[in-house]
Protein backbone atom coordinates (compact mmCIF):
# COMPACT_ATOMS: atom_id res chain seq x y z
CA MET A 1 0.00 0.00 0.00
CA LEU A 2 1.05 3.61 -0.59
CA PHE A 3 1.48 4.81 2.99
CA ASN A 4 3.91 2.00 3.87
CA HIS A 5 6.04 2.32 0.74
CA LYS A 6 9.75 1.95 1.43
CA TYR A 7 10.56 5.18 -0.47
CA ARG A 8 7.89 7.26 1.24
CA TYR A 9 10.30 9.71 2.89
CA LEU A 10 12.03 10.46 -0.40
CA PHE A 11 8.59 11.05 -1.97
CA ILE A 12 7.63 13.40 0.91
CA ALA A 13 10.88 15.38 0.48
CA ILE A 14 10.46 15.75 -3.29
CA LEU A 15 6.79 16.71 -3.00
CA SER A 16 7.55 19.29 -0.29
CA ALA A 17 10.33 20.88 -2.32
CA TYR A 18 8.11 20.94 -5.43
CA THR A 19 5.26 22.60 -3.50
CA PHE A 20 7.59 25.19 -1.98
CA LEU A 21 9.02 26.11 -5.40
CA ASN A 22 5.50 26.62 -6.71
CA THR A 23 4.58 28.93 -3.84
CA VAL A 24 7.69 31.00 -4.56
CA LEU A 25 7.04 31.15 -8.30
CA CYS A 26 3.42 32.19 -7.71
CA ASP A 27 4.42 34.88 -5.15
CA VAL A 28 2.05 33.36 -2.59
CA TYR A 29 3.86 34.95 0.35
CA TYR A 30 3.74 38.42 -1.27
CA TYR A 31 0.06 38.33 -2.21
CA PHE A 32 -1.05 37.07 1.19
CA ASN A 33 1.35 39.32 3.08
CA ILE A 34 3.17 36.50 4.84
CA GLU A 35 6.57 37.45 6.21
CA ILE A 36 8.63 34.29 6.63
CA GLU A 37 12.15 33.15 5.79
CA TRP A 38 12.36 30.66 2.92
CA TYR A 39 13.73 27.89 5.13
CA TYR A 40 10.85 28.27 7.61
CA ALA A 41 8.39 28.19 4.71
CA LEU A 42 10.00 25.00 3.41
CA LEU A 43 10.02 23.58 6.93
CA THR A 44 6.30 24.34 7.31
CA ILE A 45 5.38 22.64 4.04
CA SER A 46 7.64 19.67 4.77
CA GLY A 47 6.26 19.29 8.28
CA ILE A 48 2.62 19.34 7.14
CA THR A 49 3.31 16.89 4.31
CA PHE A 50 5.20 14.57 6.67
CA LEU A 51 2.61 14.65 9.48
CA THR A 52 -0.31 14.18 7.05
CA TRP A 53 1.37 11.16 5.50
CA GLU A 54 2.50 9.61 8.77
CA GLY A 55 -0.82 10.29 10.44
CA ASN A 56 -2.60 8.41 7.66
CA ARG A 57 -0.05 5.60 7.88
CA LEU A 58 -0.64 5.17 11.61
CA ILE A 59 -4.44 5.14 11.46
CA LYS A 60 -4.67 2.90 8.36
CA PRO A 61 -4.37 -0.48 10.21
CA TYR A 62 -7.36 0.41 12.41
CA PHE A 63 -9.64 1.20 9.46
CA LYS A 64 -8.34 -1.81 7.56
CA ARG A 65 -9.28 -4.14 10.42
CA LYS A 66 -12.62 -2.46 11.10
CA PHE A 67 -13.98 -1.98 7.58
CA LEU A 68 -12.09 -3.96 4.96
CA ALA A 69 -13.04 -7.45 6.12
CA GLN A 70 -16.56 -6.62 7.33
CA LYS A 71 -17.99 -4.00 4.97
CA GLY A 72 -15.74 -4.09 1.92
CA LYS A 73 -13.27 -2.01 -0.03
CA ILE A 74 -15.39 1.11 -0.65
CA HIS A 75 -16.26 1.53 3.04
CA PHE A 76 -12.60 1.08 3.99
CA LEU A 77 -11.33 3.69 1.48
CA GLY A 78 -14.17 6.13 2.26
CA PHE A 79 -13.83 6.13 6.05
CA PHE A 80 -10.05 6.09 5.80
CA PHE A 81 -10.22 9.24 3.60
CA LEU A 82 -12.60 11.00 6.03
CA ALA A 83 -10.26 10.23 8.91
CA GLY A 84 -7.41 11.63 6.86
CA ASN A 85 -9.35 14.87 6.50
CA VAL A 86 -9.16 15.18 10.28
CA VAL A 87 -5.47 14.33 10.42
CA ALA A 88 -4.53 16.88 7.74
CA PRO A 89 -5.93 20.07 9.39
CA LEU A 90 -4.55 19.01 12.76
CA SER A 91 -1.14 18.58 11.13
CA ALA A 92 -1.35 22.08 9.62
CA LEU A 93 -2.49 23.58 12.96
CA LEU A 94 0.39 21.93 14.83
CA VAL A 95 3.11 22.93 12.34
CA VAL A 96 1.88 26.54 11.95
CA PHE A 97 1.71 26.90 15.74
CA PHE A 98 5.32 25.77 16.16
CA VAL A 99 6.79 27.73 13.26
CA GLY A 100 4.70 30.88 13.72
CA ASN A 101 4.02 31.15 17.45
CA ILE A 102 7.11 29.51 18.88
CA PHE A 103 9.88 30.21 16.34
CA HIS A 104 8.64 33.66 15.20
CA GLY A 105 6.58 34.72 18.20
CA TYR A 106 3.60 35.64 16.02
CA THR A 107 0.13 36.13 17.46
CA TRP A 108 -2.83 34.01 16.34
CA GLU A 109 -4.05 36.96 14.33
CA GLN A 110 -0.76 37.15 12.43
CA ASN A 111 -0.94 33.40 11.87
CA SER A 112 -4.49 33.58 10.50
CA ASN A 113 -3.61 33.67 6.79
CA PRO A 114 -0.78 31.13 7.01
CA LEU A 115 -3.09 28.80 8.93
CA LYS A 116 -5.88 29.06 6.33
CA LEU A 117 -3.52 28.51 3.47
CA ASN A 118 -1.80 25.57 5.12
CA ILE A 119 -5.12 23.92 6.09
CA ILE A 120 -6.13 24.15 2.43
CA TYR A 121 -2.78 22.71 1.40
CA ALA A 122 -3.05 19.90 3.95
CA SER A 123 -6.56 19.00 2.72
CA LEU A 124 -5.47 18.98 -0.88
CA ILE A 125 -2.36 16.95 -0.18
CA ASN A 126 -4.47 14.49 1.84
CA LEU A 127 -6.84 14.15 -1.13
CA PHE A 128 -3.87 13.58 -3.43
CA PHE A 129 -2.45 10.90 -1.13
CA HIS A 130 -5.77 9.05 -0.91
CA LEU A 131 -6.33 9.19 -4.65
CA LEU A 132 -2.90 7.60 -5.19
CA ASN A 133 -3.65 5.10 -2.47
CA ALA A 134 -7.00 4.15 -4.06
CA ILE A 135 -5.37 3.75 -7.47
CA LEU A 136 -2.69 1.46 -6.05
CA PHE A 137 -5.27 -0.41 -3.94
CA PHE A 138 -7.54 -1.22 -6.89
CA PHE A 139 -4.57 -1.96 -9.15
CA ARG A 140 -3.34 -4.54 -6.64
CA GLU A 141 -6.87 -5.97 -6.32
CA TYR A 142 -7.09 -6.23 -10.10
CA LYS A 143 -3.67 -7.87 -10.23
CA ARG A 144 -4.67 -10.34 -7.48
CA HIS A 145 -7.91 -11.27 -9.25
CA TRP A 146 -6.08 -11.58 -12.54
CA MET A 147 -3.57 -13.96 -10.95
CA GLU A 148 -6.42 -15.99 -9.43
CA VAL A 149 -8.12 -16.25 -12.81
CA GLU A 150 -4.83 -17.32 -14.41
CA ASP A 151 -4.30 -19.83 -11.62
CA LEU A 152 -7.82 -21.18 -12.13
CA ARG A 153 -7.25 -21.41 -15.88
CA LYS A 154 -4.01 -23.28 -15.24
CA LYS A 155 -5.64 -25.64 -12.74
CA THR A 156 -8.58 -26.24 -15.04
CA THR A 157 -6.23 -27.02 -17.90
CA GLN A 158 -4.27 -29.40 -15.66
CA ALA A 159 -7.52 -31.07 -14.63
CA GLN A 160 -8.57 -31.47 -18.27
CA VAL A 161 -5.23 -33.01 -19.17
CA GLN A 162 -5.26 -35.22 -16.09
CA LEU A 163 -8.82 -36.30 -16.79
CA VAL A 164 -7.99 -37.32 -20.34
CA LYS A 165 -4.75 -38.97 -19.24
CA SER A 166 -6.48 -40.92 -16.49
CA GLN A 167 -8.88 -42.37 -19.05
CA ILE A 168 -6.58 -42.98 -21.98
CA ASN A 169 -3.40 -43.98 -20.18
CA PRO A 170 -2.16 -47.45 -21.21
CA HIS A 171 -3.28 -49.10 -17.97
CA PHE A 172 -6.85 -47.90 -18.33
CA LEU A 173 -7.13 -48.86 -21.99
CA PHE A 174 -5.30 -52.15 -21.48
CA ASN A 175 -7.45 -53.23 -18.52
CA ASN A 176 -10.74 -52.35 -20.14
CA LEU A 177 -9.85 -53.77 -23.54
CA ASN A 178 -8.81 -56.99 -21.83
CA VAL A 179 -12.20 -57.20 -20.20
CA LEU A 180 -13.88 -56.44 -23.53
CA SER A 181 -11.70 -59.02 -25.30
CA GLY A 182 -12.73 -61.68 -22.76
CA MET A 183 -16.38 -60.87 -23.30
CA VAL A 184 -16.11 -61.03 -27.09
CA ILE A 185 -14.19 -64.33 -27.01
CA LYS A 186 -16.85 -65.85 -24.81
CA ASN A 187 -19.54 -64.46 -27.11
CA ASN A 188 -20.89 -62.62 -24.10
CA PRO A 189 -23.94 -60.44 -24.93
CA GLU A 190 -22.72 -57.90 -22.34
CA ALA A 191 -19.95 -56.86 -24.71
CA ASN A 192 -22.20 -54.33 -26.47
CA HIS A 193 -23.24 -52.95 -23.10
CA PHE A 194 -19.63 -52.61 -22.05
CA ILE A 195 -18.75 -50.76 -25.27
CA GLU A 196 -21.73 -48.41 -24.82
CA GLU A 197 -20.73 -47.56 -21.24
CA PHE A 198 -17.11 -47.15 -22.29
CA SER A 199 -18.19 -44.58 -24.95
CA LYS A 200 -20.38 -42.70 -22.42
CA VAL A 201 -17.32 -42.08 -20.27
CA TYR A 202 -15.44 -40.48 -23.15
CA ARG A 203 -18.49 -38.54 -24.30
CA TYR A 204 -18.74 -36.93 -20.87
CA ILE A 205 -15.04 -36.05 -20.88
CA LEU A 206 -15.22 -34.39 -24.27
CA SER A 207 -18.43 -32.44 -23.55
CA ASN A 208 -17.36 -31.13 -20.10
CA GLN A 209 -13.63 -30.63 -20.39
CA ASP A 210 -13.99 -26.82 -20.81
CA LYS A 211 -16.48 -26.27 -17.98
CA GLU A 212 -15.65 -24.98 -14.49
CA LEU A 213 -18.77 -26.47 -12.88
CA VAL A 214 -21.32 -29.12 -13.79
CA GLU A 215 -24.62 -30.22 -12.24
CA LEU A 216 -24.29 -33.08 -9.80
CA LYS A 217 -26.89 -34.90 -11.90
CA SER A 218 -24.53 -34.83 -14.90
CA GLU A 219 -21.62 -35.97 -12.76
CA LEU A 220 -23.63 -38.92 -11.48
CA GLU A 221 -24.71 -39.84 -15.00
CA PHE A 222 -21.02 -39.94 -15.89
CA ILE A 223 -20.11 -41.94 -12.80
CA THR A 224 -22.69 -44.69 -13.56
CA PRO A 225 -20.95 -45.99 -16.72
CA TYR A 226 -17.57 -45.38 -15.12
CA LEU A 227 -18.56 -47.59 -12.17
CA PHE A 228 -19.87 -50.22 -14.57
CA LEU A 229 -16.41 -50.44 -16.16
CA LEU A 230 -14.79 -50.70 -12.71
CA GLN A 231 -17.24 -53.38 -11.55
CA LYS A 232 -16.44 -55.48 -14.61
CA ARG A 233 -12.78 -55.15 -13.81
CA PHE A 234 -12.86 -55.74 -10.05
CA ASP A 235 -16.14 -57.66 -9.67
CA GLU A 236 -16.76 -58.35 -5.97
CA GLY A 237 -13.55 -56.59 -4.96
CA LEU A 238 -15.17 -53.19 -5.30
CA VAL A 239 -18.37 -52.20 -3.50
CA ILE A 240 -19.74 -48.70 -4.23
CA SER A 241 -22.88 -47.22 -2.73
CA ILE A 242 -24.44 -43.89 -3.74
CA ASN A 243 -27.07 -42.15 -1.65
CA ILE A 244 -27.89 -38.61 -2.79
CA PRO A 245 -31.32 -36.95 -2.33
CA GLU A 246 -32.96 -35.79 -5.54
CA HIS A 247 -33.03 -32.10 -4.53
CA TYR A 248 -29.22 -31.98 -4.41
CA LYS A 249 -28.83 -33.15 -8.00
CA THR A 250 -29.35 -29.61 -9.41
CA TRP A 251 -26.42 -28.34 -7.31
CA HIS A 252 -22.96 -28.09 -8.88
CA VAL A 253 -19.51 -29.62 -8.44
CA VAL A 254 -16.27 -29.34 -10.38
CA PRO A 255 -16.17 -31.75 -13.36
CA ALA A 256 -14.86 -35.28 -12.77
CA ALA A 257 -14.31 -34.65 -9.05
CA LEU A 258 -16.07 -37.91 -8.11
CA GLN A 259 -14.18 -39.88 -10.71
CA MET A 260 -10.84 -38.54 -9.47
CA LEU A 261 -11.68 -39.41 -5.85
CA ILE A 262 -12.82 -42.92 -6.77
CA GLU A 263 -9.70 -43.41 -8.87
CA ASN A 264 -7.58 -42.11 -5.99
CA ALA A 265 -9.16 -44.64 -3.60
CA ILE A 266 -8.55 -47.55 -6.00
CA LYS A 267 -5.01 -46.41 -6.71
CA HIS A 268 -3.94 -46.36 -3.08
CA ASN A 269 -5.85 -49.34 -1.65
CA ILE A 270 -6.06 -53.10 -2.08
CA VAL A 271 -9.06 -54.10 -4.19
CA SER A 272 -9.76 -57.86 -4.07
CA ARG A 273 -12.48 -60.41 -3.40
CA ASN A 274 -10.89 -61.22 -0.04
CA LYS A 275 -10.43 -57.56 0.90
CA PRO A 276 -13.16 -55.58 -0.85
CA LEU A 277 -12.77 -51.82 -1.13
CA HIS A 278 -15.95 -50.09 0.03
CA ILE A 279 -16.60 -46.61 -1.38
CA ASP A 280 -19.57 -44.70 -0.03
CA ILE A 281 -20.86 -41.54 -1.77
CA HIS A 282 -23.58 -39.55 -0.02
CA ALA A 283 -24.85 -36.05 0.71
CA ASN A 284 -24.56 -35.40 4.41
CA GLY A 285 -27.28 -32.73 4.70
CA SER A 286 -24.92 -29.79 5.16
CA GLN A 287 -24.53 -28.94 1.45
CA THR A 288 -21.54 -31.23 1.03
CA LEU A 289 -20.91 -34.41 -0.91
CA VAL A 290 -18.94 -37.06 1.01
CA VAL A 291 -16.77 -39.70 -0.64
CA LYS A 292 -15.55 -42.23 1.95
CA ASN A 293 -13.61 -45.46 1.67
CA ASN A 294 -12.11 -48.00 4.03
CA LEU A 295 -8.32 -47.93 4.33
CA GLN A 296 -6.33 -50.98 3.25
CA PRO A 297 -3.16 -49.44 1.77
CA ARG A 298 -1.33 -51.15 -1.04
CA GLN A 299 2.31 -52.06 -0.60
CA MET A 300 3.28 -50.74 -4.03
CA VAL A 301 1.46 -47.56 -5.06
CA GLU A 302 1.56 -46.23 -8.62
CA PRO A 303 3.61 -43.06 -9.02
CA SER A 304 1.48 -40.07 -8.05
CA THR A 305 1.03 -37.08 -10.38
CA LYS A 306 0.48 -34.90 -7.26
CA ILE A 307 -2.45 -33.22 -9.02
CA GLY A 308 -5.53 -35.13 -7.78
CA LEU A 309 -6.71 -33.83 -4.40
CA GLN A 310 -4.71 -30.57 -4.60
CA ASN A 311 -6.22 -29.84 -7.99
CA ILE A 312 -9.76 -30.32 -6.75
CA LYS A 313 -8.98 -28.30 -3.62
CA LYS A 314 -7.53 -25.36 -5.60
CA ARG A 315 -10.36 -25.34 -8.15
CA TYR A 316 -12.99 -25.14 -5.43
CA GLU A 317 -11.04 -22.39 -3.67
CA LEU A 318 -10.72 -20.27 -6.80
CA ILE A 319 -14.27 -20.80 -8.11
CA SER A 320 -16.24 -20.50 -4.85
CA GLY A 321 -13.84 -19.48 -2.08
CA ARG A 322 -14.77 -22.71 -0.27
CA ASP A 323 -12.47 -25.56 0.65
CA ILE A 324 -12.77 -29.32 0.52
CA ASP A 325 -12.48 -31.21 3.81
CA ILE A 326 -10.13 -34.19 4.07
CA LYS A 327 -10.26 -36.58 7.02
CA LYS A 328 -8.13 -39.64 7.57
CA THR A 329 -8.36 -42.13 10.43
CA ALA A 330 -6.73 -45.50 11.02
CA THR A 331 -9.57 -47.21 9.15
CA GLU A 332 -11.20 -44.66 6.82
CA PHE A 333 -10.37 -41.91 4.34
CA GLU A 334 -13.04 -39.28 3.70
CA VAL A 335 -13.25 -36.25 1.39
CA SER A 336 -16.14 -33.74 1.59
CA LEU A 337 -16.83 -31.65 -1.51
CA PRO A 338 -18.91 -28.44 -1.27
CA LEU A 339 -22.16 -28.53 -3.25
CA LEU A 340 -22.56 -25.18 -4.98
CA ASN A 341 -25.97 -23.64 -5.58
CA LEU A 342 -25.59 -21.16 -8.42
CA ASN A 343 -28.98 -19.59 -7.63
């Protein structure tokens, strides 16, 4: 912010010297019949500029705490400016009293014109400071929002790439094509069903890869064929239950969040007939979607891309300002996703 800038004292000195030169060039002291040595005039201007700046700097943290978080940016800047309009005249009064009454021994009557002029100067310089401060403030806000948008774009792009990779990586294709091959060899009538569900997964990926949010209903429609593929692969080793009230299905989540959490659970846990992996997906009544699984860690875990959970977490933070909740106990792993109501 402006008032805490590391070069503030240099700026104060330059501004004071510039103002003093302008008063000399405009013959201000002659026209207003002010008898004062040039160094006292410069001292007066410098003192008022310094005290106005420093006074604003000292009171800024109070107004920032009181108004910025609770009432917003406009209230903060407005009340801060009004307080500065009290600091500025007081600064002028104090400096004129010391220079005029103490150094020169003037009476208050003799100090009348200098006081008026310096109060006007202090008010104008305070306005100038606050205009600069507001410009810097909103520029930094713009820059922060721009960086957040860029970060969101980057995270969304990463998620799109990760989503496609997770579906078309060699393991995924190899496993599912093996299942399909077995069905075809056995002349299993479920082969067509498997192919249809397989295509639904890709159709969802292609149609939603550019979206920031999707309806939960769409996400569940995508998860159904995805789970079908997993069930054919793991059979009784994977048990998935979904319990979501109908009224939550018009709420929104980030695309493929459920798929990434299910994939994460399978990736890090044993999935077998003897040790089934149980994944429970439900809405807990507090506008969150919970994905929970029992913990039975694998000895050898596939290399992590380090995108999964952090990617979902960052996307929620940037889109809605809300966070996902991750809980891990000795027996369970649970992730709660905020359900977003765009209305």
